[in-house]
Amino acid sequence: MSEKIWISVCEYHDLLPDTGLCALVNKKQVALFNSRRLNEVFAVSNYDPIGEANVLSRGILGSIGDEIVVASPLYKQHFNLRTGECLEKPEYNIAVYPVRVEDGLVQVQI
């Protein structure tokens, strides 16, 4: 089994607060979000399994109760950015990736 490594994706200041950004990491589209309210960066799959398109980086960041979510721009389902679970249809989920900020760089582990 191969060891997962941290891959630098962009500079932290490239991530606008409360807005998504898409990056290609190891041939996978990753949606990155910078939550101003939580002062936290999230990395998830950009692929919406319900709409069957790579669009989640264009979704709206928000919260439902205590859960931080992205609303898909297609059919408006909400995906939990910590667990990947779809709130409206739990049988669907998206990949969630470890992410960190080191020396001003956003790094993802895939």
PDB file of N, CA and C in Angstrom:
ATOM      1  N   MET A   1       0.844  -1.182   0.000  1.00  0.00           N
ATOM      2  CA  MET A   1       0.000   0.000   0.000  1.00  0.00           C
ATOM      3  C   MET A   1       0.887   1.242   0.000  1.00  0.00           C
ATOM      4  N   SER A   2       0.583   2.195  -0.863  1.00  0.00           N
ATOM      5  CA  SER A   2       1.413   3.388  -0.968  1.00  0.00           C
ATOM      6  C   SER A   2       1.078   4.377   0.150  1.00  0.00           C
ATOM      7  N   GLU A   3       2.111   5.067   0.594  1.00  0.00           N
ATOM      8  CA  GLU A   3       1.950   6.062   1.654  1.00  0.00           C
ATOM      9  C   GLU A   3       1.363   7.338   1.071  1.00  0.00           C
ATOM     10  N   LYS A   4       0.420   7.923   1.784  1.00  0.00           N
ATOM     11  CA  LYS A   4      -0.171   9.177   1.336  1.00  0.00           C
ATOM     12  C   LYS A   4       0.755  10.317   1.722  1.00  0.00           C
ATOM     13  N   ILE A   5       0.943  11.240   0.779  1.00  0.00           N
ATOM     14  CA  ILE A   5       1.816  12.377   1.034  1.00  0.00           C
ATOM     15  C   ILE A   5       1.012  13.667   0.931  1.00  0.00           C
ATOM     16  N   TRP A   6       1.541  14.717   1.521  1.00  0.00           N
ATOM     17  CA  TRP A   6       0.906  16.036   1.430  1.00  0.00           C
ATOM     18  C   TRP A   6       1.323  16.692   0.125  1.00  0.00           C
ATOM     19  N   ILE A   7       0.335  17.187  -0.616  1.00  0.00           N
ATOM     20  CA  ILE A   7       0.589  17.831  -1.898  1.00  0.00           C
ATOM     21  C   ILE A   7       0.163  19.293  -1.804  1.00  0.00           C
ATOM     22  N   SER A   8       1.094  20.199  -2.097  1.00  0.00           N
ATOM     23  CA  SER A   8       0.769  21.627  -2.092  1.00  0.00           C
ATOM     24  C   SER A   8      -0.109  21.934  -3.299  1.00  0.00           C
ATOM     25  N   VAL A   9      -1.230  22.629  -3.032  1.00  0.00           N
ATOM     26  CA  VAL A   9      -2.224  22.879  -4.072  1.00  0.00           C
ATOM     27  C   VAL A   9      -2.247  24.349  -4.489  1.00  0.00           C
ATOM     28  N   CYS A  10      -2.212  25.235  -3.520  1.00  0.00           N
ATOM     29  CA  CYS A  10      -2.258  26.668  -3.809  1.00  0.00           C
ATOM     30  C   CYS A  10      -1.787  27.423  -2.571  1.00  0.00           C
ATOM     31  N   GLU A  11      -1.648  28.719  -2.717  1.00  0.00           N
ATOM     32  CA  GLU A  11      -1.328  29.539  -1.559  1.00  0.00           C
ATOM     33  C   GLU A  11      -2.624  29.836  -0.807  1.00  0.00           C
ATOM     34  N   TYR A  12      -2.511  29.984   0.482  1.00  0.00           N
ATOM     35  CA  TYR A  12      -3.703  30.205   1.310  1.00  0.00           C
ATOM     36  C   TYR A  12      -4.481  31.437   0.850  1.00  0.00           C
ATOM     37  N   HIS A  13      -3.788  32.498   0.488  1.00  0.00           N
ATOM     38  CA  HIS A  13      -4.490  33.722   0.079  1.00  0.00           C
ATOM     39  C   HIS A  13      -5.235  33.556  -1.253  1.00  0.00           C
ATOM     40  N   ASP A  14      -4.972  32.452  -1.990  1.00  0.00           N
ATOM     41  CA  ASP A  14      -5.733  32.168  -3.214  1.00  0.00           C
ATOM     42  C   ASP A  14      -7.160  31.724  -2.907  1.00  0.00           C
ATOM     43  N   LEU A  15      -7.386  31.241  -1.688  1.00  0.00           N
ATOM     44  CA  LEU A  15      -8.722  30.789  -1.273  1.00  0.00           C
ATOM     45  C   LEU A  15      -9.497  31.964  -0.700  1.00  0.00           C
ATOM     46  N   LEU A  16     -10.440  32.463  -1.451  1.00  0.00           N
ATOM     47  CA  LEU A  16     -11.262  33.559  -0.938  1.00  0.00           C
ATOM     48  C   LEU A  16     -12.176  33.026   0.158  1.00  0.00           C
ATOM     49  N   PRO A  17     -12.412  33.819   1.194  1.00  0.00           N
ATOM     50  CA  PRO A  17     -13.286  33.360   2.287  1.00  0.00           C
ATOM     51  C   PRO A  17     -14.678  32.977   1.778  1.00  0.00           C
ATOM     52  N   ASP A  18     -15.161  31.823   2.251  1.00  0.00           N
ATOM     53  CA  ASP A  18     -16.514  31.332   1.987  1.00  0.00           C
ATOM     54  C   ASP A  18     -16.795  31.097   0.506  1.00  0.00           C
ATOM     55  N   THR A  19     -15.746  30.803  -0.253  1.00  0.00           N
ATOM     56  CA  THR A  19     -15.873  30.531  -1.681  1.00  0.00           C
ATOM     57  C   THR A  19     -15.082  29.276  -2.019  1.00  0.00           C
ATOM     58  N   GLY A  20     -15.555  28.520  -3.003  1.00  0.00           N
ATOM     59  CA  GLY A  20     -14.876  27.300  -3.404  1.00  0.00           C
ATOM     60  C   GLY A  20     -13.851  27.528  -4.502  1.00  0.00           C
ATOM     61  N   LEU A  21     -12.900  26.599  -4.574  1.00  0.00           N
ATOM     62  CA  LEU A  21     -11.865  26.607  -5.591  1.00  0.00           C
ATOM     63  C   LEU A  21     -11.630  25.155  -5.981  1.00  0.00           C
ATOM     64  N   CYS A  22     -11.484  24.873  -7.264  1.00  0.00           N
ATOM     65  CA  CYS A  22     -11.234  23.510  -7.722  1.00  0.00           C
ATOM     66  C   CYS A  22      -9.767  23.353  -8.079  1.00  0.00           C
ATOM     67  N   ALA A  23      -9.187  22.216  -7.691  1.00  0.00           N
ATOM     68  CA  ALA A  23      -7.793  21.916  -8.023  1.00  0.00           C
ATOM     69  C   ALA A  23      -7.705  20.460  -8.472  1.00  0.00           C
ATOM     70  N   LEU A  24      -6.779  20.187  -9.366  1.00  0.00           N
ATOM     71  CA  LEU A  24      -6.524  18.822  -9.809  1.00  0.00           C
ATOM     72  C   LEU A  24      -5.363  18.287  -8.985  1.00  0.00           C
ATOM     73  N   VAL A  25      -5.641  17.258  -8.183  1.00  0.00           N
ATOM     74  CA  VAL A  25      -4.642  16.679  -7.285  1.00  0.00           C
ATOM     75  C   VAL A  25      -4.574  15.182  -7.557  1.00  0.00           C
ATOM     76  N   ASN A  26      -3.425  14.724  -8.028  1.00  0.00           N
ATOM     77  CA  ASN A  26      -3.269  13.302  -8.375  1.00  0.00           C
ATOM     78  C   ASN A  26      -4.397  12.798  -9.269  1.00  0.00           C
ATOM     79  N   LYS A  27      -4.724  13.574 -10.287  1.00  0.00           N
ATOM     80  CA  LYS A  27      -5.742  13.238 -11.280  1.00  0.00           C
ATOM     81  C   LYS A  27      -7.162  13.208 -10.715  1.00  0.00           C
ATOM     82  N   LYS A  28      -7.365  13.809  -9.528  1.00  0.00           N
ATOM     83  CA  LYS A  28      -8.694  13.906  -8.932  1.00  0.00           C
ATOM     84  C   LYS A  28      -9.056  15.373  -8.764  1.00  0.00           C
ATOM     85  N   GLN A  29     -10.299  15.723  -9.113  1.00  0.00           N
ATOM     86  CA  GLN A  29     -10.758  17.086  -8.892  1.00  0.00           C
ATOM     87  C   GLN A  29     -11.143  17.236  -7.422  1.00  0.00           C
ATOM     88  N   VAL A  30     -10.542  18.220  -6.775  1.00  0.00           N
ATOM     89  CA  VAL A  30     -10.771  18.471  -5.354  1.00  0.00           C
ATOM     90  C   VAL A  30     -11.349  19.874  -5.198  1.00  0.00           C
ATOM     91  N   ALA A  31     -12.433  19.969  -4.444  1.00  0.00           N
ATOM     92  CA  ALA A  31     -13.040  21.265  -4.128  1.00  0.00           C
ATOM     93  C   ALA A  31     -12.491  21.726  -2.777  1.00  0.00           C
ATOM     94  N   LEU A  32     -11.942  22.928  -2.744  1.00  0.00           N
ATOM     95  CA  LEU A  32     -11.392  23.503  -1.516  1.00  0.00           C
ATOM     96  C   LEU A  32     -12.279  24.643  -1.061  1.00  0.00           C
ATOM     97  N   PHE A  33     -12.502  24.723   0.243  1.00  0.00           N
ATOM     98  CA  PHE A  33     -13.320  25.787   0.818  1.00  0.00           C
ATOM     99  C   PHE A  33     -12.607  26.367   2.027  1.00  0.00           C
ATOM    100  N   ASN A  34     -12.683  27.685   2.169  1.00  0.00           N
ATOM    101  CA  ASN A  34     -12.094  28.392   3.301  1.00  0.00           C
ATOM    102  C   ASN A  34     -13.241  29.032   4.086  1.00  0.00           C
ATOM    103  N   SER A  35     -13.580  28.440   5.215  1.00  0.00           N
ATOM    104  CA  SER A  35     -14.676  28.958   6.040  1.00  0.00           C
ATOM    105  C   SER A  35     -14.170  30.098   6.916  1.00  0.00           C
ATOM    106  N   ARG A  36     -14.672  31.293   6.657  1.00  0.00           N
ATOM    107  CA  ARG A  36     -14.287  32.461   7.453  1.00  0.00           C
ATOM    108  C   ARG A  36     -14.780  32.315   8.894  1.00  0.00           C
ATOM    109  N   ARG A  37     -16.016  31.838   9.055  1.00  0.00           N
ATOM    110  CA  ARG A  37     -16.615  31.721  10.392  1.00  0.00           C
ATOM    111  C   ARG A  37     -15.836  30.743  11.261  1.00  0.00           C
ATOM    112  N   LEU A  38     -15.404  29.614  10.677  1.00  0.00           N
ATOM    113  CA  LEU A  38     -14.685  28.602  11.448  1.00  0.00           C
ATOM    114  C   LEU A  38     -13.174  28.753  11.375  1.00  0.00           C
ATOM    115  N   ASN A  39     -12.705  29.641  10.466  1.00  0.00           N
ATOM    116  CA  ASN A  39     -11.270  29.784  10.234  1.00  0.00           C
ATOM    117  C   ASN A  39     -10.636  28.413   9.966  1.00  0.00           C
ATOM    118  N   GLU A  40     -11.258  27.694   8.996  1.00  0.00           N
ATOM    119  CA  GLU A  40     -10.842  26.333   8.687  1.00  0.00           C
ATOM    120  C   GLU A  40     -10.960  26.099   7.180  1.00  0.00           C
ATOM    121  N   VAL A  41     -10.047  25.287   6.650  1.00  0.00           N
ATOM    122  CA  VAL A  41     -10.065  24.928   5.234  1.00  0.00           C
ATOM    123  C   VAL A  41     -10.557  23.488   5.116  1.00  0.00           C
ATOM    124  N   PHE A  42     -11.373  23.233   4.091  1.00  0.00           N
ATOM    125  CA  PHE A  42     -11.932  21.908   3.841  1.00  0.00           C
ATOM    126  C   PHE A  42     -11.571  21.470   2.430  1.00  0.00           C
ATOM    127  N   ALA A  43     -11.380  20.163   2.238  1.00  0.00           N
ATOM    128  CA  ALA A  43     -11.102  19.593   0.914  1.00  0.00           C
ATOM    129  C   ALA A  43     -11.993  18.374   0.724  1.00  0.00           C
ATOM    130  N   VAL A  44     -12.782  18.402  -0.348  1.00  0.00           N
ATOM    131  CA  VAL A  44     -13.687  17.293  -0.664  1.00  0.00           C
ATOM    132  C   VAL A  44     -13.634  17.037  -2.170  1.00  0.00           C
ATOM    133  N   SER A  45     -14.214  15.924  -2.578  1.00  0.00           N
ATOM    134  CA  SER A  45     -14.334  15.646  -4.007  1.00  0.00           C
ATOM    135  C   SER A  45     -15.173  16.730  -4.670  1.00  0.00           C
ATOM    136  N   ASN A  46     -14.799  17.113  -5.858  1.00  0.00           N
ATOM    137  CA  ASN A  46     -15.566  18.103  -6.608  1.00  0.00           C
ATOM    138  C   ASN A  46     -16.773  17.462  -7.302  1.00  0.00           C
ATOM    139  N   TYR A  47     -16.829  16.132  -7.308  1.00  0.00           N
ATOM    140  CA  TYR A  47     -17.874  15.400  -8.033  1.00  0.00           C
ATOM    141  C   TYR A  47     -19.151  15.293  -7.218  1.00  0.00           C
ATOM    142  N   ASP A  48     -20.254  15.772  -7.790  1.00  0.00           N
ATOM    143  CA  ASP A  48     -21.582  15.650  -7.194  1.00  0.00           C
ATOM    144  C   ASP A  48     -22.174  14.334  -7.676  1.00  0.00           C
ATOM    145  N   PRO A  49     -22.329  13.333  -6.794  1.00  0.00           N
ATOM    146  CA  PRO A  49     -22.821  12.029  -7.230  1.00  0.00           C
ATOM    147  C   PRO A  49     -24.305  12.022  -7.618  1.00  0.00           C
ATOM    148  N   ILE A  50     -25.046  13.012  -7.214  1.00  0.00           N
ATOM    149  CA  ILE A  50     -26.469  13.083  -7.565  1.00  0.00           C
ATOM    150  C   ILE A  50     -26.624  13.757  -8.930  1.00  0.00           C
ATOM    151  N   GLY A  51     -25.972  14.867  -9.121  1.00  0.00           N
ATOM    152  CA  GLY A  51     -26.017  15.574 -10.401  1.00  0.00           C
ATOM    153  C   GLY A  51     -25.069  14.992 -11.434  1.00  0.00           C
ATOM    154  N   GLU A  52     -24.187  14.105 -10.988  1.00  0.00           N
ATOM    155  CA  GLU A  52     -23.212  13.426 -11.835  1.00  0.00           C
ATOM    156  C   GLU A  52     -22.361  14.412 -12.646  1.00  0.00           C
ATOM    157  N   ALA A  53     -21.822  15.405 -11.927  1.00  0.00           N
ATOM    158  CA  ALA A  53     -20.964  16.407 -12.564  1.00  0.00           C
ATOM    159  C   ALA A  53     -19.965  16.952 -11.543  1.00  0.00           C
ATOM    160  N   ASN A  54     -18.844  17.431 -12.044  1.00  0.00           N
ATOM    161  CA  ASN A  54     -17.811  18.041 -11.201  1.00  0.00           C
ATOM    162  C   ASN A  54     -18.139  19.510 -10.984  1.00  0.00           C
ATOM    163  N   VAL A  55     -18.936  19.803  -9.951  1.00  0.00           N
ATOM    164  CA  VAL A  55     -19.431  21.170  -9.751  1.00  0.00           C
ATOM    165  C   VAL A  55     -19.417  21.654  -8.300  1.00  0.00           C
ATOM    166  N   LEU A  56     -19.046  20.812  -7.351  1.00  0.00           N
ATOM    167  CA  LEU A  56     -19.214  21.200  -5.946  1.00  0.00           C
ATOM    168  C   LEU A  56     -18.393  22.424  -5.552  1.00  0.00           C
ATOM    169  N   SER A  57     -17.280  22.683  -6.223  1.00  0.00           N
ATOM    170  CA  SER A  57     -16.494  23.876  -5.889  1.00  0.00           C
ATOM    171  C   SER A  57     -17.274  25.154  -6.192  1.00  0.00           C
ATOM    172  N   ARG A  58     -18.319  25.050  -6.981  1.00  0.00           N
ATOM    173  CA  ARG A  58     -19.169  26.210  -7.298  1.00  0.00           C
ATOM    174  C   ARG A  58     -20.384  26.300  -6.374  1.00  0.00           C
ATOM    175  N   GLY A  59     -20.444  25.394  -5.403  1.00  0.00           N
ATOM    176  CA  GLY A  59     -21.569  25.376  -4.476  1.00  0.00           C
ATOM    177  C   GLY A  59     -21.486  26.480  -3.440  1.00  0.00           C
ATOM    178  N   ILE A  60     -22.549  26.584  -2.664  1.00  0.00           N
ATOM    179  CA  ILE A  60     -22.635  27.618  -1.626  1.00  0.00           C
ATOM    180  C   ILE A  60     -22.265  27.005  -0.281  1.00  0.00           C
ATOM    181  N   LEU A  61     -21.309  27.630   0.387  1.00  0.00           N
ATOM    182  CA  LEU A  61     -20.851  27.190   1.706  1.00  0.00           C
ATOM    183  C   LEU A  61     -21.811  27.716   2.762  1.00  0.00           C
ATOM    184  N   GLY A  62     -22.149  26.876   3.735  1.00  0.00           N
ATOM    185  CA  GLY A  62     -23.047  27.307   4.799  1.00  0.00           C
ATOM    186  C   GLY A  62     -23.068  26.305   5.922  1.00  0.00           C
ATOM    187  N   SER A  63     -24.094  26.402   6.751  1.00  0.00           N
ATOM    188  CA  SER A  63     -24.242  25.450   7.847  1.00  0.00           C
ATOM    189  C   SER A  63     -25.714  25.128   8.027  1.00  0.00           C
ATOM    190  N   ILE A  64     -25.948  23.922   8.484  1.00  0.00           N
ATOM    191  CA  ILE A  64     -27.281  23.469   8.868  1.00  0.00           C
ATOM    192  C   ILE A  64     -27.115  22.884  10.259  1.00  0.00           C
ATOM    193  N   GLY A  65     -27.697  23.550  11.242  1.00  0.00           N
ATOM    194  CA  GLY A  65     -27.447  23.154  12.623  1.00  0.00           C
ATOM    195  C   GLY A  65     -25.972  23.342  12.922  1.00  0.00           C
ATOM    196  N   ASP A  66     -25.330  22.305  13.434  1.00  0.00           N
ATOM    197  CA  ASP A  66     -23.903  22.368  13.753  1.00  0.00           C
ATOM    198  C   ASP A  66     -23.028  21.870  12.611  1.00  0.00           C
ATOM    199  N   GLU A  67     -23.627  21.504  11.486  1.00  0.00           N
ATOM    200  CA  GLU A  67     -22.870  20.903  10.396  1.00  0.00           C
ATOM    201  C   GLU A  67     -22.496  21.940   9.339  1.00  0.00           C
ATOM    202  N   ILE A  68     -21.214  21.939   8.957  1.00  0.00           N
ATOM    203  CA  ILE A  68     -20.741  22.810   7.884  1.00  0.00           C
ATOM    204  C   ILE A  68     -20.966  22.064   6.571  1.00  0.00           C
ATOM    205  N   VAL A  69     -21.599  22.717   5.609  1.00  0.00           N
ATOM    206  CA  VAL A  69     -22.017  22.038   4.379  1.00  0.00           C
ATOM    207  C   VAL A  69     -21.702  22.874   3.149  1.00  0.00           C
ATOM    208  N   VAL A  70     -21.732  22.185   2.003  1.00  0.00           N
ATOM    209  CA  VAL A  70     -21.744  22.853   0.709  1.00  0.00           C
ATOM    210  C   VAL A  70     -23.024  22.407   0.022  1.00  0.00           C
ATOM    211  N   ALA A  71     -23.752  23.365  -0.531  1.00  0.00           N
ATOM    212  CA  ALA A  71     -24.966  23.073  -1.287  1.00  0.00           C
ATOM    213  C   ALA A  71     -24.584  22.936  -2.756  1.00  0.00           C
ATOM    214  N   SER A  72     -24.913  21.800  -3.346  1.00  0.00           N
ATOM    215  CA  SER A  72     -24.601  21.587  -4.754  1.00  0.00           C
ATOM    216  C   SER A  72     -25.311  22.627  -5.611  1.00  0.00           C
ATOM    217  N   PRO A  73     -24.623  23.185  -6.604  1.00  0.00           N
ATOM    218  CA  PRO A  73     -25.278  24.170  -7.462  1.00  0.00           C
ATOM    219  C   PRO A  73     -26.312  23.550  -8.408  1.00  0.00           C
ATOM    220  N   LEU A  74     -26.332  22.229  -8.518  1.00  0.00           N
ATOM    221  CA  LEU A  74     -27.278  21.590  -9.438  1.00  0.00           C
ATOM    222  C   LEU A  74     -28.647  21.378  -8.806  1.00  0.00           C
ATOM    223  N   TYR A  75     -28.720  20.467  -7.837  1.00  0.00           N
ATOM    224  CA  TYR A  75     -30.020  20.126  -7.248  1.00  0.00           C
ATOM    225  C   TYR A  75     -30.148  20.561  -5.793  1.00  0.00           C
ATOM    226  N   LYS A  76     -29.165  21.305  -5.300  1.00  0.00           N
ATOM    227  CA  LYS A  76     -29.176  21.956  -3.984  1.00  0.00           C
ATOM    228  C   LYS A  76     -29.090  21.009  -2.788  1.00  0.00           C
ATOM    229  N   GLN A  77     -28.672  19.752  -3.001  1.00  0.00           N
ATOM    230  CA  GLN A  77     -28.449  18.884  -1.847  1.00  0.00           C
ATOM    231  C   GLN A  77     -27.239  19.397  -1.074  1.00  0.00           C
ATOM    232  N   HIS A  78     -27.249  19.137   0.215  1.00  0.00           N
ATOM    233  CA  HIS A  78     -26.186  19.601   1.097  1.00  0.00           C
ATOM    234  C   HIS A  78     -25.263  18.448   1.471  1.00  0.00           C
ATOM    235  N   PHE A  79     -23.969  18.657   1.296  1.00  0.00           N
ATOM    236  CA  PHE A  79     -22.967  17.659   1.657  1.00  0.00           C
ATOM    237  C   PHE A  79     -22.152  18.184   2.841  1.00  0.00           C
ATOM    238  N   ASN A  80     -22.041  17.365   3.878  1.00  0.00           N
ATOM    239  CA  ASN A  80     -21.271  17.706   5.065  1.00  0.00           C
ATOM    240  C   ASN A  80     -19.793  17.733   4.697  1.00  0.00           C
ATOM    241  N   LEU A  81     -19.115  18.846   4.963  1.00  0.00           N
ATOM    242  CA  LEU A  81     -17.710  18.982   4.593  1.00  0.00           C
ATOM    243  C   LEU A  81     -16.763  18.208   5.507  1.00  0.00           C
ATOM    244  N   ARG A  82     -17.247  17.745   6.637  1.00  0.00           N
ATOM    245  CA  ARG A  82     -16.406  16.938   7.540  1.00  0.00           C
ATOM    246  C   ARG A  82     -16.539  15.437   7.270  1.00  0.00           C
ATOM    247  N   THR A  83     -17.750  14.996   6.923  1.00  0.00           N
ATOM    248  CA  THR A  83     -18.001  13.561   6.757  1.00  0.00           C
ATOM    249  C   THR A  83     -18.257  13.147   5.311  1.00  0.00           C
ATOM    250  N   GLY A  84     -18.665  14.097   4.455  1.00  0.00           N
ATOM    251  CA  GLY A  84     -19.005  13.788   3.074  1.00  0.00           C
ATOM    252  C   GLY A  84     -20.432  13.328   2.871  1.00  0.00           C
ATOM    253  N   GLU A  85     -21.177  13.146   3.952  1.00  0.00           N
ATOM    254  CA  GLU A  85     -22.546  12.636   3.849  1.00  0.00           C
ATOM    255  C   GLU A  85     -23.499  13.678   3.259  1.00  0.00           C
ATOM    256  N   CYS A  86     -24.414  13.213   2.408  1.00  0.00           N
ATOM    257  CA  CYS A  86     -25.470  14.074   1.876  1.00  0.00           C
ATOM    258  C   CYS A  86     -26.599  14.101   2.904  1.00  0.00           C
ATOM    259  N   LEU A  87     -26.993  15.285   3.346  1.00  0.00           N
ATOM    260  CA  LEU A  87     -28.004  15.391   4.400  1.00  0.00           C
ATOM    261  C   LEU A  87     -29.384  14.953   3.930  1.00  0.00           C
ATOM    262  N   GLU A  88     -29.741  15.266   2.690  1.00  0.00           N
ATOM    263  CA  GLU A  88     -31.064  14.918   2.191  1.00  0.00           C
ATOM    264  C   GLU A  88     -31.154  13.461   1.723  1.00  0.00           C
ATOM    265  N   LYS A  89     -30.046  12.918   1.246  1.00  0.00           N
ATOM    266  CA  LYS A  89     -30.010  11.548   0.716  1.00  0.00           C
ATOM    267  C   LYS A  89     -28.765  10.853   1.268  1.00  0.00           C
ATOM    268  N   PRO A  90     -28.834  10.308   2.488  1.00  0.00           N
ATOM    269  CA  PRO A  90     -27.650   9.735   3.136  1.00  0.00           C
ATOM    270  C   PRO A  90     -27.008   8.566   2.390  1.00  0.00           C
ATOM    271  N   GLU A  91     -27.719   8.017   1.416  1.00  0.00           N
ATOM    272  CA  GLU A  91     -27.112   6.926   0.637  1.00  0.00           C
ATOM    273  C   GLU A  91     -26.025   7.451  -0.307  1.00  0.00           C
ATOM    274  N   TYR A  92     -25.943   8.774  -0.460  1.00  0.00           N
ATOM    275  CA  TYR A  92     -24.906   9.401  -1.269  1.00  0.00           C
ATOM    276  C   TYR A  92     -23.890  10.087  -0.358  1.00  0.00           C
ATOM    277  N   ASN A  93     -22.632  10.035  -0.766  1.00  0.00           N
ATOM    278  CA  ASN A  93     -21.606  10.773  -0.039  1.00  0.00           C
ATOM    279  C   ASN A  93     -20.472  11.129  -0.986  1.00  0.00           C
ATOM    280  N   ILE A  94     -19.641  12.028  -0.536  1.00  0.00           N
ATOM    281  CA  ILE A  94     -18.477  12.458  -1.312  1.00  0.00           C
ATOM    282  C   ILE A  94     -17.221  12.183  -0.496  1.00  0.00           C
ATOM    283  N   ALA A  95     -16.094  12.078  -1.193  1.00  0.00           N
ATOM    284  CA  ALA A  95     -14.820  11.870  -0.509  1.00  0.00           C
ATOM    285  C   ALA A  95     -14.410  13.148   0.222  1.00  0.00           C
ATOM    286  N   VAL A  96     -13.849  12.967   1.399  1.00  0.00           N
ATOM    287  CA  VAL A  96     -13.320  14.064   2.212  1.00  0.00           C
ATOM    288  C   VAL A  96     -11.820  13.820   2.362  1.00  0.00           C
ATOM    289  N   TYR A  97     -11.031  14.832   2.133  1.00  0.00           N
ATOM    290  CA  TYR A  97      -9.574  14.684   2.182  1.00  0.00           C
ATOM    291  C   TYR A  97      -8.969  15.499   3.320  1.00  0.00           C
ATOM    292  N   PRO A  98      -7.921  14.959   3.956  1.00  0.00           N
ATOM    293  CA  PRO A  98      -7.197  15.750   4.952  1.00  0.00           C
ATOM    294  C   PRO A  98      -6.581  16.968   4.268  1.00  0.00           C
ATOM    295  N   VAL A  99      -6.658  18.099   4.941  1.00  0.00           N
ATOM    296  CA  VAL A  99      -6.117  19.342   4.391  1.00  0.00           C
ATOM    297  C   VAL A  99      -5.454  20.126   5.518  1.00  0.00           C
ATOM    298  N   ARG A 100      -4.397  20.849   5.187  1.00  0.00           N
ATOM    299  CA  ARG A 100      -3.709  21.673   6.177  1.00  0.00           C
ATOM    300  C   ARG A 100      -3.106  22.880   5.478  1.00  0.00           C
ATOM    301  N   VAL A 101      -2.736  23.866   6.277  1.00  0.00           N
ATOM    302  CA  VAL A 101      -2.035  25.041   5.770  1.00  0.00           C
ATOM    303  C   VAL A 101      -0.656  25.058   6.433  1.00  0.00           C
ATOM    304  N   GLU A 102       0.388  24.967   5.605  1.00  0.00           N
ATOM    305  CA  GLU A 102       1.768  24.953   6.087  1.00  0.00           C
ATOM    306  C   GLU A 102       2.559  26.030   5.351  1.00  0.00           C
ATOM    307  N   ASP A 103       3.152  26.938   6.098  1.00  0.00           N
ATOM    308  CA  ASP A 103       3.963  28.009   5.513  1.00  0.00           C
ATOM    309  C   ASP A 103       3.220  28.760   4.401  1.00  0.00           C
ATOM    310  N   GLY A 104       1.933  28.994   4.629  1.00  0.00           N
ATOM    311  CA  GLY A 104       1.138  29.752   3.668  1.00  0.00           C
ATOM    312  C   GLY A 104       0.626  28.954   2.488  1.00  0.00           C
ATOM    313  N   LEU A 105       0.912  27.654   2.443  1.00  0.00           N
ATOM    314  CA  LEU A 105       0.468  26.797   1.358  1.00  0.00           C
ATOM    315  C   LEU A 105      -0.660  25.875   1.829  1.00  0.00           C
ATOM    316  N   VAL A 106      -1.693  25.727   1.008  1.00  0.00           N
ATOM    317  CA  VAL A 106      -2.751  24.767   1.282  1.00  0.00           C
ATOM    318  C   VAL A 106      -2.289  23.424   0.744  1.00  0.00           C
ATOM    319  N   GLN A 107      -2.299  22.405   1.600  1.00  0.00           N
ATOM    320  CA  GLN A 107      -1.852  21.077   1.221  1.00  0.00           C
ATOM    321  C   GLN A 107      -2.959  20.066   1.447  1.00  0.00           C
ATOM    322  N   VAL A 108      -3.082  19.138   0.499  1.00  0.00           N
ATOM    323  CA  VAL A 108      -4.096  18.091   0.551  1.00  0.00           C
ATOM    324  C   VAL A 108      -3.400  16.744   0.555  1.00  0.00           C
ATOM    325  N   GLN A 109      -3.991  15.810   1.275  1.00  0.00           N
ATOM    326  CA  GLN A 109      -3.449  14.457   1.307  1.00  0.00           C
ATOM    327  C   GLN A 109      -4.420  13.519   0.610  1.00  0.00           C
ATOM    328  N   ILE A 110      -3.946  12.897  -0.478  1.00  0.00           N
ATOM    329  CA  ILE A 110      -4.793  11.948  -1.230  1.00  0.00           C
ATOM    330  C   ILE A 110      -4.071  10.630  -1.310  1.00  0.00           C
TER     331      ILE A 110
END
